[in-house]
Amino acid sequence: MAAMHDAHVSDGGRGAHDPADVPDLSAFWLRVFLEVARHGSFTVAARSLGWTQSAVSRQVASLEGALGGAALFDRLPRGVRLTEAGRVLVPHAEALVTRLGQAERELTALREAAGGRLRIGAFATADAALVPHAMAAFRARHPGVRLTRDEGFTPALLDRLAAGGLDLAIVSTTGRVPLDAYDLHHLLDEPLYVAVPVGHPLAGRGPVRLPQLADADWISGDAHPEGTLLDAALRHGFRPRIAHVVVEWIAKLGYVAAGLGVTLVPALAAGSVRPDVVLLPVAGEEAAGRVVYAATARGVAPSPAGRAFLRALREAATRGADG
């Protein structure tokens, strides 16, 4: 049987002593019982544990009392020998101590973010670079954590977070979704770009103001600009003419490249733009497209793994802002 480190109290070289600070628990009694059974001696078990012999005897007596007074050892002139009751108890005690040891290891792994699980969710453009970079860094540091990821729109992610289906959700202020019911961890303020085809008159002219494109055909993920990135146009005095409703970013940029309209691109998606599309930074106040947060359930402290993933997200967001 392996040495039971949690039952050992070091004497610091000052001699054996009573384990006064050890709680009088049945699981603890079982560990002492098994140590005596392994050595066949109270004296040797006490030496192994760093205790006095009388302390070991008291723990065994407490266990015997808890089991109805059944003697677990025959006291012999030299050492002790398991009684029939003791032999019956051994396999049960070993199984319980093994399970407790496993529980202790798993709890330690959770505290150290070395085990357990972490369930995250993210909106689509966060998956372009922010989330993959954070996941790669997290996995390298905490390979024992089972990390799962779901993709969805911010409202659906928040619903899953509230229902306990996610531990953390990367969300944005797009969609006018109320966020005040969650604990929010700021990641970045995401600027906007206008994507235009290479031959567009504004291509290569630097930052633009959205009213310069008031007469353009727009490509959007929704037929109505409210609650989308095109809220920025509404805030600046014009209602964009949505010519094509296209959900996927790759398809949107294909429409732009074909000259069928222009679209707004958030900074998180800017790195995946094709070469026949030009990105124009949006100038001034209009550039502040949305804010990106990591959300956790209100009042529920993130687990150690959750805190570690938040650090990885902040690092990835900082690298993206600096890059």
Protein backbone atom coordinates (compact mmCIF):
# COMPACT_ATOMS: atom_id res chain seq x y z
CA MET A 1 0.00 0.00 0.00
CA ALA A 2 1.25 3.48 -0.88
CA ALA A 3 2.31 5.83 1.91
CA MET A 4 -0.53 8.13 2.95
CA HIS A 5 0.97 11.60 2.80
CA ASP A 6 -2.20 13.34 3.92
CA ALA A 7 -2.14 11.36 7.18
CA HIS A 8 1.49 12.19 7.90
CA VAL A 9 2.39 15.03 10.24
CA SER A 10 6.09 15.84 10.11
CA ASP A 11 7.81 16.14 13.46
CA GLY A 12 10.51 18.39 12.01
CA GLY A 13 13.15 16.20 13.66
CA ARG A 14 11.78 16.85 17.15
CA GLY A 15 10.43 13.34 17.78
CA ALA A 16 7.00 11.69 17.60
CA HIS A 17 3.91 13.66 18.61
CA ASP A 18 0.14 13.44 18.77
CA PRO A 19 -1.73 14.54 15.58
CA ALA A 20 -3.85 17.10 17.40
CA ASP A 21 -4.56 19.05 14.23
CA VAL A 22 -5.94 16.05 12.29
CA PRO A 23 -9.75 15.87 12.20
CA ASP A 24 -11.29 12.77 13.82
CA LEU A 25 -12.97 11.43 10.64
CA SER A 26 -13.89 7.87 9.72
CA ALA A 27 -11.96 8.13 6.45
CA PHE A 28 -8.92 9.11 8.46
CA TRP A 29 -9.45 6.12 10.80
CA LEU A 30 -9.50 3.81 7.78
CA ARG A 31 -6.16 5.12 6.58
CA VAL A 32 -4.61 4.52 10.01
CA PHE A 33 -6.21 1.06 10.18
CA LEU A 34 -4.69 0.10 6.82
CA GLU A 35 -1.28 1.36 7.85
CA VAL A 36 -1.36 -0.84 10.97
CA ALA A 37 -2.62 -3.80 8.93
CA ARG A 38 0.20 -3.33 6.43
CA HIS A 39 2.92 -3.28 9.08
CA GLY A 40 1.34 -5.67 11.60
CA SER A 41 2.45 -3.35 14.35
CA PHE A 42 1.19 -0.22 16.09
CA THR A 43 4.80 0.77 16.77
CA VAL A 44 5.95 0.51 13.15
CA ALA A 45 2.77 2.19 11.87
CA ALA A 46 3.30 5.04 14.33
CA ARG A 47 6.90 5.42 13.18
CA SER A 48 5.76 5.46 9.53
CA LEU A 49 3.18 8.14 10.29
CA GLY A 50 5.47 10.16 12.55
CA TRP A 51 3.14 9.82 15.51
CA THR A 52 3.18 8.34 18.97
CA GLN A 53 2.05 4.74 19.37
CA SER A 54 -0.70 5.86 21.75
CA ALA A 55 -2.09 8.18 19.06
CA VAL A 56 -2.31 5.32 16.57
CA SER A 57 -3.94 3.10 19.19
CA ARG A 58 -6.56 5.76 19.90
CA GLN A 59 -7.45 6.09 16.22
CA VAL A 60 -7.89 2.34 15.84
CA ALA A 61 -9.96 2.22 19.03
CA SER A 62 -12.17 5.02 17.68
CA LEU A 63 -12.75 3.05 14.47
CA GLU A 64 -13.55 -0.10 16.43
CA GLY A 65 -16.04 1.89 18.51
CA ALA A 66 -17.68 3.32 15.39
CA LEU A 67 -18.06 -0.22 14.03
CA GLY A 68 -19.95 -1.40 17.09
CA GLY A 69 -17.02 -2.44 19.23
CA ALA A 70 -15.74 -5.21 16.94
CA ALA A 71 -12.03 -5.83 17.56
CA LEU A 72 -10.04 -5.34 14.34
CA PHE A 73 -6.70 -6.63 15.67
CA ASP A 74 -5.58 -9.33 18.06
CA ARG A 75 -2.93 -7.80 20.31
CA LEU A 76 0.00 -10.21 20.39
CA PRO A 77 3.20 -10.15 22.47
CA ARG A 78 5.00 -8.95 19.34
CA GLY A 79 2.79 -6.83 17.10
CA VAL A 80 -0.82 -7.31 16.08
CA ARG A 81 -2.79 -9.60 13.77
CA LEU A 82 -6.03 -8.91 11.92
CA THR A 83 -9.14 -10.47 13.40
CA GLU A 84 -11.84 -11.89 11.14
CA ALA A 85 -13.62 -8.53 11.36
CA GLY A 86 -10.38 -6.81 10.38
CA ARG A 87 -9.90 -9.09 7.37
CA VAL A 88 -13.46 -8.34 6.22
CA LEU A 89 -12.85 -4.60 6.55
CA VAL A 90 -9.54 -4.45 4.64
CA PRO A 91 -10.85 -4.60 1.03
CA HIS A 92 -13.64 -2.11 1.82
CA ALA A 93 -11.20 0.25 3.50
CA GLU A 94 -8.78 -0.02 0.56
CA ALA A 95 -11.57 0.76 -1.93
CA LEU A 96 -12.75 3.77 0.06
CA VAL A 97 -9.24 5.13 0.57
CA THR A 98 -8.50 4.67 -3.15
CA ARG A 99 -11.65 6.57 -4.11
CA LEU A 100 -10.86 9.33 -1.65
CA GLY A 101 -7.34 9.61 -3.04
CA GLN A 102 -8.74 9.88 -6.55
CA ALA A 103 -11.17 12.59 -5.43
CA GLU A 104 -8.35 14.51 -3.76
CA ARG A 105 -6.23 14.34 -6.92
CA GLU A 106 -9.10 15.53 -9.10
CA LEU A 107 -9.91 18.39 -6.73
CA THR A 108 -6.25 19.39 -6.70
CA ALA A 109 -6.25 19.31 -10.52
CA LEU A 110 -9.27 21.62 -10.56
CA ARG A 111 -7.58 24.06 -8.19
CA GLU A 112 -4.47 24.08 -10.37
CA ALA A 113 -6.39 24.14 -13.70
CA ALA A 114 -4.77 20.81 -14.51
CA GLY A 115 -7.99 18.85 -14.99
CA GLY A 116 -11.75 19.06 -15.25
CA ARG A 117 -13.66 20.65 -18.12
CA LEU A 118 -14.30 24.09 -19.53
CA ARG A 119 -17.20 24.83 -21.91
CA ILE A 120 -16.92 28.01 -23.94
CA GLY A 121 -19.01 29.62 -26.66
CA ALA A 122 -18.18 32.35 -29.14
CA PHE A 123 -19.76 34.35 -31.96
CA ALA A 124 -18.51 33.60 -35.47
CA THR A 125 -15.99 36.41 -36.06
CA ALA A 126 -14.36 35.81 -32.67
CA ASP A 127 -13.55 32.36 -34.06
CA ALA A 128 -11.52 33.90 -36.89
CA ALA A 129 -8.45 34.58 -34.72
CA LEU A 130 -9.21 35.62 -31.13
CA VAL A 131 -10.61 32.31 -29.87
CA PRO A 132 -8.21 29.99 -31.77
CA HIS A 133 -5.17 31.87 -30.46
CA ALA A 134 -6.52 31.79 -26.91
CA MET A 135 -7.35 28.08 -27.21
CA ALA A 136 -3.87 27.23 -28.50
CA ALA A 137 -2.20 29.07 -25.61
CA PHE A 138 -4.58 27.54 -23.07
CA ARG A 139 -4.09 23.98 -24.33
CA ALA A 140 -0.31 24.37 -24.21
CA ARG A 141 -0.47 25.49 -20.56
CA HIS A 142 -3.33 23.28 -19.34
CA PRO A 143 -3.42 20.11 -21.48
CA GLY A 144 -5.36 18.17 -18.85
CA VAL A 145 -8.47 20.37 -19.07
CA ARG A 146 -11.22 19.11 -21.40
CA LEU A 147 -12.00 22.20 -23.47
CA THR A 148 -15.13 22.30 -25.65
CA ARG A 149 -16.33 25.16 -27.86
CA ASP A 150 -19.69 26.07 -29.40
CA GLU A 151 -20.43 28.77 -31.96
CA GLY A 152 -23.54 30.93 -32.03
CA PHE A 153 -25.02 34.39 -31.98
CA THR A 154 -24.67 36.44 -28.80
CA PRO A 155 -28.32 36.04 -27.63
CA ALA A 156 -28.19 32.24 -27.93
CA LEU A 157 -24.81 32.09 -26.20
CA LEU A 158 -26.11 34.16 -23.29
CA ASP A 159 -29.16 31.91 -22.97
CA ARG A 160 -26.90 28.86 -22.75
CA LEU A 161 -24.69 30.60 -20.22
CA ALA A 162 -27.69 31.44 -18.03
CA ALA A 163 -28.97 27.85 -18.28
CA GLY A 164 -25.62 26.43 -17.16
CA GLY A 165 -24.71 24.94 -20.55
CA LEU A 166 -21.61 27.13 -20.89
CA ASP A 167 -18.99 28.25 -18.42
CA LEU A 168 -17.90 31.29 -20.45
CA ALA A 169 -19.17 33.02 -23.59
CA ILE A 170 -17.38 35.46 -25.89
CA VAL A 171 -20.09 37.96 -26.88
CA SER A 172 -20.42 41.40 -28.43
CA THR A 173 -22.66 44.44 -28.13
CA THR A 174 -24.03 43.86 -31.64
CA GLY A 175 -27.73 43.07 -31.59
CA ARG A 176 -28.76 45.40 -28.77
CA VAL A 177 -28.77 42.44 -26.38
CA PRO A 178 -28.97 43.48 -22.70
CA LEU A 179 -25.75 42.36 -21.04
CA ASP A 180 -26.28 43.74 -17.54
CA ALA A 181 -27.49 40.37 -16.21
CA TYR A 182 -24.00 38.88 -16.64
CA ASP A 183 -20.51 39.45 -15.30
CA LEU A 184 -18.57 40.99 -18.19
CA HIS A 185 -14.80 40.81 -18.71
CA HIS A 186 -13.73 43.39 -21.27
CA LEU A 187 -11.58 42.06 -24.11
CA LEU A 188 -11.48 44.75 -26.79
CA ASP A 189 -13.21 47.66 -28.48
CA GLU A 190 -13.54 46.51 -32.06
CA PRO A 191 -13.24 49.08 -34.88
CA LEU A 192 -15.03 48.73 -38.19
CA TYR A 193 -13.91 48.65 -41.81
CA VAL A 194 -15.86 49.05 -45.03
CA ALA A 195 -15.09 46.34 -47.56
CA VAL A 196 -15.17 47.55 -51.17
CA PRO A 197 -14.07 45.89 -54.43
CA VAL A 198 -10.60 46.67 -55.72
CA GLY A 199 -11.93 48.97 -58.47
CA HIS A 200 -14.16 51.04 -56.17
CA PRO A 201 -13.64 54.83 -56.40
CA LEU A 202 -12.81 55.03 -52.68
CA ALA A 203 -10.33 52.12 -52.72
CA GLY A 204 -6.91 53.26 -51.58
CA ARG A 205 -8.07 56.68 -50.33
CA GLY A 206 -7.72 55.96 -46.62
CA PRO A 207 -10.35 56.23 -43.90
CA VAL A 208 -13.95 56.95 -44.89
CA ARG A 209 -16.98 58.28 -43.10
CA LEU A 210 -20.08 56.15 -43.45
CA PRO A 211 -22.25 58.96 -44.92
CA GLN A 212 -19.90 58.90 -47.94
CA LEU A 213 -21.52 55.52 -48.73
CA ALA A 214 -25.12 56.51 -48.07
CA ASP A 215 -26.08 55.79 -51.68
CA ALA A 216 -24.26 52.46 -51.93
CA ASP A 217 -25.78 49.01 -52.12
CA TRP A 218 -25.03 47.19 -48.87
CA ILE A 219 -24.55 43.54 -48.13
CA SER A 220 -25.73 42.51 -44.66
CA GLY A 221 -26.55 39.44 -42.65
CA ASP A 222 -30.08 40.73 -42.04
CA ALA A 223 -32.67 42.58 -44.09
CA HIS A 224 -32.99 45.15 -41.32
CA PRO A 225 -29.98 47.17 -40.13
CA GLU A 226 -31.25 47.45 -36.55
CA GLY A 227 -29.25 45.26 -34.20
CA THR A 228 -26.51 44.60 -36.77
CA LEU A 229 -23.19 46.30 -37.49
CA LEU A 230 -25.14 48.67 -39.72
CA ASP A 231 -26.55 50.26 -36.58
CA ALA A 232 -23.53 52.53 -37.07
CA ALA A 233 -25.11 53.93 -40.26
CA LEU A 234 -28.40 54.60 -38.46
CA ARG A 235 -26.53 56.50 -35.76
CA HIS A 236 -25.02 58.74 -38.43
CA GLY A 237 -28.11 59.84 -40.22
CA PHE A 238 -28.90 57.43 -43.03
CA ARG A 239 -30.66 54.13 -43.54
CA PRO A 240 -28.48 51.85 -45.68
CA ARG A 241 -30.03 50.26 -48.73
CA ILE A 242 -29.56 46.51 -48.17
CA ALA A 243 -29.35 44.95 -51.62
CA HIS A 244 -28.29 41.43 -50.57
CA VAL A 245 -28.80 39.45 -47.37
CA VAL A 246 -25.83 37.12 -46.90
CA VAL A 247 -24.97 35.47 -43.59
CA GLU A 248 -21.50 33.95 -44.03
CA TRP A 249 -18.44 36.22 -44.11
CA ILE A 250 -16.78 34.38 -46.98
CA ALA A 251 -19.92 34.76 -49.08
CA LYS A 252 -20.31 38.44 -48.14
CA LEU A 253 -16.80 39.18 -49.35
CA GLY A 254 -17.48 37.24 -52.54
CA TYR A 255 -20.41 39.55 -53.24
CA VAL A 256 -18.20 42.57 -52.54
CA ALA A 257 -15.45 41.28 -54.85
CA ALA A 258 -18.05 40.84 -57.63
CA GLY A 259 -19.04 44.50 -57.30
CA LEU A 260 -22.52 43.78 -55.93
CA GLY A 261 -22.19 46.09 -52.95
CA VAL A 262 -20.15 47.01 -49.90
CA THR A 263 -20.25 45.64 -46.38
CA LEU A 264 -19.01 46.40 -42.89
CA VAL A 265 -16.25 44.16 -41.56
CA PRO A 266 -15.33 44.07 -37.85
CA ALA A 267 -11.64 44.09 -36.96
CA LEU A 268 -11.75 40.45 -35.77
CA ALA A 269 -12.58 39.36 -39.32
CA ALA A 270 -10.17 41.71 -41.09
CA GLY A 271 -7.32 39.21 -41.26
CA SER A 272 -9.30 36.82 -43.44
CA VAL A 273 -10.17 39.31 -46.21
CA ARG A 274 -9.44 38.13 -49.76
CA PRO A 275 -6.97 40.01 -52.00
CA ASP A 276 -9.61 41.32 -54.43
CA VAL A 277 -11.33 43.23 -51.62
CA VAL A 278 -10.04 46.47 -50.05
CA LEU A 279 -10.71 47.39 -46.44
CA LEU A 280 -11.23 51.06 -45.67
CA PRO A 281 -10.99 52.09 -41.99
CA VAL A 282 -14.09 53.87 -40.76
CA ALA A 283 -13.14 57.32 -39.54
CA GLY A 284 -13.93 59.15 -36.34
CA GLU A 285 -16.60 58.20 -33.85
CA GLU A 286 -18.16 55.85 -36.38
CA ALA A 287 -15.12 53.55 -36.10
CA ALA A 288 -16.23 52.20 -32.71
CA GLY A 289 -18.31 49.34 -34.03
CA ARG A 290 -18.82 47.12 -31.00
CA VAL A 291 -17.33 45.97 -27.73
CA VAL A 292 -16.29 42.36 -27.20
CA TYR A 293 -16.58 40.73 -23.78
CA ALA A 294 -16.10 37.38 -22.15
CA ALA A 295 -19.31 36.83 -20.17
CA THR A 296 -19.80 34.62 -17.15
CA ALA A 297 -22.93 33.94 -15.13
CA ARG A 298 -23.69 36.69 -12.63
CA GLY A 299 -22.42 35.83 -9.16
CA VAL A 300 -20.71 32.60 -10.26
CA ALA A 301 -16.95 32.90 -9.86
CA PRO A 302 -15.03 31.45 -12.82
CA SER A 303 -13.24 28.19 -12.09
CA PRO A 304 -9.42 28.15 -12.11
CA ALA A 305 -9.62 26.87 -15.70
CA GLY A 306 -12.04 29.67 -16.55
CA ARG A 307 -9.70 32.28 -15.08
CA ALA A 308 -6.80 30.78 -17.04
CA PHE A 309 -8.81 30.96 -20.27
CA LEU A 310 -9.72 34.58 -19.55
CA ARG A 311 -6.01 35.36 -19.28
CA ALA A 312 -5.40 33.64 -22.61
CA LEU A 313 -8.24 35.64 -24.22
CA ARG A 314 -6.84 38.93 -22.94
CA GLU A 315 -3.39 38.04 -24.24
CA ALA A 316 -4.82 37.15 -27.66
CA ALA A 317 -6.86 40.38 -27.73
CA THR A 318 -3.77 42.44 -26.84
CA ARG A 319 -1.69 40.74 -29.55
CA GLY A 320 -4.42 41.42 -32.08
CA ALA A 321 -4.62 45.09 -31.09
CA ASP A 322 -0.84 45.43 -31.27
CA GLY A 323 -0.63 43.56 -34.56
